[in-house]
């Protein structure tokens, strides 16, 4: 049996990308919780692995040439694991181009924009003092809607995001898109996105990765958590 990969994790959409990938790829792993509401991401030991003080991160004892390697940034981790296993990356060079296009689309678009939508729609109005900013709420709600329109049109032509095969691009996007209600989105006009959300969400590996320490998922509305998350 392979040595387990160390996963540094908290149950968020970015964390789910990697927990889902590890489950889908049947890779053994052990989890170290990085409580982002308490500031674990700033611990000097963790910063040696993830210098941008963000989780997830991994350490693989069986890295290139059999030597340990640490990887930070969720997209880079997905690419690393796909290369390591030869799975969920397509069969041809054209497949891989499509996977990388949509993975980068998630990293540069859906993740940041949906994250900002969550912040201004859910958290900012609860700050002390409240920051209820109509312009910011409208801006990010509308941008997430635009991105999900792009995704719906893509999925009208393909079963999965990169084509007719399930890939790390689907793993990257699903966690964020599954929270569409909290982003104040609607699916009535996006039937292909709704179909894809249900299809991907029914996969046992996705369900297992999403369930990892789900009991710890909170709304971070305490003053301590807000101070750590939003003022650093």
Protein backbone atom coordinates (compact mmCIF):
# COMPACT_ATOMS: atom_id res chain seq x y z
CA UNK A 1 0.00 0.00 0.00
CA UNK A 2 1.26 3.47 -0.90
CA UNK A 3 2.27 5.86 1.83
CA UNK A 4 -0.61 8.20 2.65
CA UNK A 5 -0.63 11.74 1.37
CA UNK A 6 -0.95 14.40 4.07
CA UNK A 7 -3.88 16.70 3.32
CA UNK A 8 -4.03 20.09 5.04
CA UNK A 9 -7.70 20.89 4.93
CA UNK A 10 -10.77 22.76 6.09
CA UNK A 11 -14.26 22.04 4.70
CA UNK A 12 -14.58 24.81 2.11
CA UNK A 13 -15.06 24.70 -1.68
CA UNK A 14 -11.31 24.95 -2.19
CA UNK A 15 -10.67 22.21 0.34
CA UNK A 16 -13.28 19.99 -1.29
CA UNK A 17 -11.44 20.09 -4.61
CA UNK A 18 -8.60 18.08 -3.14
CA UNK A 19 -10.56 15.82 -0.79
CA UNK A 20 -12.78 14.89 -3.74
CA UNK A 21 -9.77 14.25 -5.97
CA UNK A 22 -8.11 12.02 -3.38
CA UNK A 23 -11.32 10.03 -2.99
CA UNK A 24 -11.92 9.76 -6.73
CA UNK A 25 -8.32 8.65 -7.35
CA UNK A 26 -8.39 6.07 -4.54
CA UNK A 27 -5.30 7.59 -2.97
CA UNK A 28 -4.71 6.95 0.73
CA UNK A 29 -4.50 10.14 2.76
CA UNK A 30 -4.60 11.48 6.28
CA UNK A 31 -6.06 14.83 7.19
CA UNK A 32 -4.57 17.66 9.21
CA UNK A 33 -7.21 20.27 9.95
CA UNK A 34 -6.32 23.90 9.27
CA UNK A 35 -8.94 25.88 11.17
CA UNK A 36 -9.05 29.06 9.13
CA UNK A 37 -11.35 30.77 11.64
CA UNK A 38 -8.75 30.36 14.39
CA UNK A 39 -5.74 31.30 12.27
CA UNK A 40 -4.07 27.91 11.82
CA UNK A 41 -3.12 29.02 8.29
CA UNK A 42 -0.60 31.46 9.79
CA UNK A 43 1.27 28.84 11.80
CA UNK A 44 4.97 28.90 10.80
CA UNK A 45 5.01 25.13 10.25
CA UNK A 46 2.11 25.38 7.82
CA UNK A 47 3.66 28.37 6.04
CA UNK A 48 6.63 26.17 5.13
CA UNK A 49 4.19 24.07 3.11
CA UNK A 50 1.80 26.81 1.95
CA UNK A 51 3.63 30.16 1.91
CA UNK A 52 0.49 32.02 0.80
CA UNK A 53 -1.22 31.04 4.09
CA UNK A 54 -4.09 29.34 2.34
CA UNK A 55 -5.31 25.80 2.47
CA UNK A 56 -5.57 23.22 0.95
CA UNK A 57 -2.06 21.90 0.64
CA UNK A 58 -0.59 18.43 0.48
CA UNK A 59 2.63 16.65 1.27
CA UNK A 60 3.27 13.50 -0.75
CA UNK A 61 5.95 11.22 0.71
CA UNK A 62 6.18 9.48 -2.68
CA UNK A 63 6.86 12.49 -4.85
CA UNK A 64 8.97 12.78 -8.00
CA UNK A 65 11.91 10.37 -8.01
CA UNK A 66 10.54 8.85 -4.83
CA UNK A 67 11.32 11.94 -2.76
CA UNK A 68 8.73 13.83 -0.65
CA UNK A 69 7.15 16.92 -2.15
CA UNK A 70 4.74 19.56 -0.87
CA UNK A 71 2.23 21.27 -3.15
CA UNK A 72 0.08 24.32 -2.40
CA UNK A 73 -2.69 25.99 -4.44
CA UNK A 74 -5.70 23.80 -5.16
CA UNK A 75 -5.36 23.90 -8.95
CA UNK A 76 -1.70 22.94 -8.80
CA UNK A 77 -2.59 20.07 -6.45
CA UNK A 78 -5.23 18.77 -8.85
CA UNK A 79 -2.76 18.87 -11.73
CA UNK A 80 -0.13 17.13 -9.61
CA UNK A 81 -2.50 14.34 -8.60
CA UNK A 82 -3.77 13.89 -12.15
CA UNK A 83 -0.18 13.57 -13.41
CA UNK A 84 0.70 11.22 -10.55
CA UNK A 85 -2.18 8.84 -11.18
CA UNK A 86 -2.77 9.32 -14.89
CA UNK A 87 -6.46 9.76 -14.14
CA UNK A 88 -9.15 12.41 -14.76
CA UNK A 89 -7.00 14.37 -17.21
CA UNK A 90 -8.32 13.05 -20.52
CA UNK A 91 -6.75 10.70 -23.03
CA UNK A 92 -5.45 13.06 -25.71
CA UNK A 93 -3.57 16.31 -25.87
CA UNK A 94 -6.77 18.07 -26.94
CA UNK A 95 -8.49 16.63 -23.88
CA UNK A 96 -5.77 17.97 -21.64
CA UNK A 97 -5.94 21.42 -23.23
CA UNK A 98 -9.67 21.53 -22.46
CA UNK A 99 -9.14 20.35 -18.89
CA UNK A 100 -6.53 23.03 -18.29
CA UNK A 101 -8.69 25.74 -19.90
CA UNK A 102 -11.61 25.03 -17.60
CA UNK A 103 -9.44 24.51 -14.55
CA UNK A 104 -7.88 27.94 -15.13
CA UNK A 105 -11.38 29.36 -15.72
CA UNK A 106 -12.38 28.15 -12.30
CA UNK A 107 -9.24 29.40 -10.60
CA UNK A 108 -9.44 32.86 -12.17
CA UNK A 109 -13.20 33.25 -12.38
CA UNK A 110 -15.71 31.15 -10.47
CA UNK A 111 -13.60 30.75 -7.32
CA UNK A 112 -12.71 34.42 -6.77
CA UNK A 113 -16.06 35.81 -7.95
CA UNK A 114 -18.22 33.34 -6.02
CA UNK A 115 -16.01 33.92 -2.99
CA UNK A 116 -16.60 37.65 -3.20
CA UNK A 117 -20.33 37.06 -3.68
CA UNK A 118 -20.42 34.96 -0.52
CA UNK A 119 -18.49 37.63 1.35
CA UNK A 120 -20.60 40.63 0.39
CA UNK A 121 -23.97 38.82 0.43
CA UNK A 122 -23.55 36.76 3.60
CA UNK A 123 -20.67 37.95 5.77
CA UNK A 124 -20.13 41.66 5.24
CA UNK A 125 -23.64 42.63 6.43
CA UNK A 126 -22.91 40.76 9.69
CA UNK A 127 -19.65 42.57 10.42
CA UNK A 128 -19.33 45.02 13.28
CA UNK A 129 -20.12 47.61 12.06
CA UNK A 130 -22.25 46.11 9.27
CA UNK A 131 -20.97 46.52 5.71
CA UNK A 132 -24.11 46.18 3.62
CA UNK A 133 -22.88 47.43 0.25
CA UNK A 134 -25.48 47.25 -2.56
CA UNK A 135 -22.94 47.98 -5.30
CA UNK A 136 -20.63 45.14 -4.24
CA UNK A 137 -23.55 42.75 -3.77
CA UNK A 138 -24.95 43.52 -7.20
CA UNK A 139 -21.52 43.42 -8.86
CA UNK A 140 -20.52 39.97 -7.66
CA UNK A 141 -24.00 38.45 -7.87
CA UNK A 142 -24.17 39.52 -11.52
CA UNK A 143 -20.67 38.29 -12.34
CA UNK A 144 -21.35 34.87 -10.85
CA UNK A 145 -24.56 34.71 -12.89
CA UNK A 146 -22.58 35.52 -16.04
CA UNK A 147 -20.04 32.80 -15.28
CA UNK A 148 -22.72 30.22 -14.62
CA UNK A 149 -24.29 31.20 -17.94
CA UNK A 150 -20.96 30.44 -19.62
CA UNK A 151 -20.88 27.10 -17.84
CA UNK A 152 -24.47 26.25 -18.75
CA UNK A 153 -23.80 26.90 -22.43
CA UNK A 154 -20.70 24.73 -22.29
CA UNK A 155 -22.62 21.91 -20.64
CA UNK A 156 -25.32 22.14 -23.31
CA UNK A 157 -22.67 20.76 -25.68
CA UNK A 158 -20.84 18.31 -23.40
CA UNK A 159 -21.72 15.91 -20.63
CA UNK A 160 -18.88 17.26 -18.49
CA UNK A 161 -16.96 20.50 -18.45
CA UNK A 162 -13.96 19.45 -20.55
CA UNK A 163 -15.89 17.12 -22.86
CA UNK A 164 -17.54 13.73 -22.61
CA UNK A 165 -15.29 12.65 -19.74
CA UNK A 166 -15.20 13.51 -16.04
CA UNK A 167 -12.04 15.36 -15.04
CA UNK A 168 -10.27 17.44 -12.44
CA UNK A 169 -11.95 20.48 -14.02
CA UNK A 170 -15.31 19.16 -12.84
CA UNK A 171 -13.86 18.53 -9.38
CA UNK A 172 -12.57 22.11 -9.23
CA UNK A 173 -15.83 23.75 -10.26
CA UNK A 174 -18.43 21.58 -8.53
CA UNK A 175 -17.81 22.67 -4.94
CA UNK A 176 -18.28 26.34 -5.70
CA UNK A 177 -21.21 25.84 -8.07
CA UNK A 178 -22.96 23.55 -5.58
CA UNK A 179 -23.35 26.61 -3.33
CA UNK A 180 -25.35 28.53 -5.93
CA UNK A 181 -28.16 29.32 -3.51
CA UNK A 182 -25.83 31.13 -1.11
CA UNK A 183 -24.57 33.14 -4.08
CA UNK A 184 -28.21 34.17 -4.78
CA UNK A 185 -28.29 32.44 -8.13
CA UNK A 186 -31.06 30.53 -9.90
CA UNK A 187 -31.01 27.37 -11.98
CA UNK A 188 -34.40 27.60 -13.70
CA UNK A 189 -32.72 29.18 -16.72
CA UNK A 190 -29.63 26.93 -16.54
CA UNK A 191 -30.92 23.38 -17.03
CA UNK A 192 -27.60 21.99 -18.20
CA UNK A 193 -25.81 23.31 -15.13
CA UNK A 194 -28.54 21.81 -12.94
CA UNK A 195 -28.14 18.44 -14.69
CA UNK A 196 -24.36 18.51 -14.25
CA UNK A 197 -24.57 19.50 -10.56
CA UNK A 198 -26.80 16.50 -9.90
CA UNK A 199 -24.68 14.09 -11.97
CA UNK A 200 -21.39 15.07 -10.35
CA UNK A 201 -22.95 15.32 -6.90
CA UNK A 202 -24.17 11.72 -7.15
CA UNK A 203 -20.64 10.31 -7.52
CA UNK A 204 -19.51 8.40 -4.41
CA UNK A 205 -16.09 10.05 -4.49
CA UNK A 206 -17.64 13.51 -4.60
CA UNK A 207 -19.98 12.67 -1.75
CA UNK A 208 -17.12 11.30 0.36
CA UNK A 209 -14.87 14.28 -0.32
CA UNK A 210 -17.67 16.73 0.41
CA UNK A 211 -18.51 14.93 3.67
CA UNK A 212 -14.96 15.13 5.06
CA UNK A 213 -15.30 16.89 8.43
CA UNK A 214 -18.54 18.46 7.24
CA UNK A 215 -19.58 18.85 10.86
CA UNK A 216 -16.94 21.57 11.23
CA UNK A 217 -18.28 23.74 8.45
CA UNK A 218 -19.54 27.00 9.98
CA UNK A 219 -20.44 30.49 8.97
CA UNK A 220 -17.47 32.21 10.68
CA UNK A 221 -19.62 34.97 12.11
CA UNK A 222 -17.88 35.20 15.46
CA UNK A 223 -15.81 38.34 15.98
CA UNK A 224 -12.67 36.24 16.43
CA UNK A 225 -13.18 34.42 13.12
CA UNK A 226 -14.03 37.63 11.28
CA UNK A 227 -10.90 39.26 12.61
CA UNK A 228 -8.79 36.39 11.34
CA UNK A 229 -10.49 35.89 7.98
CA UNK A 230 -11.32 39.40 6.85
CA UNK A 231 -8.72 41.69 8.42
CA UNK A 232 -5.48 39.86 7.64
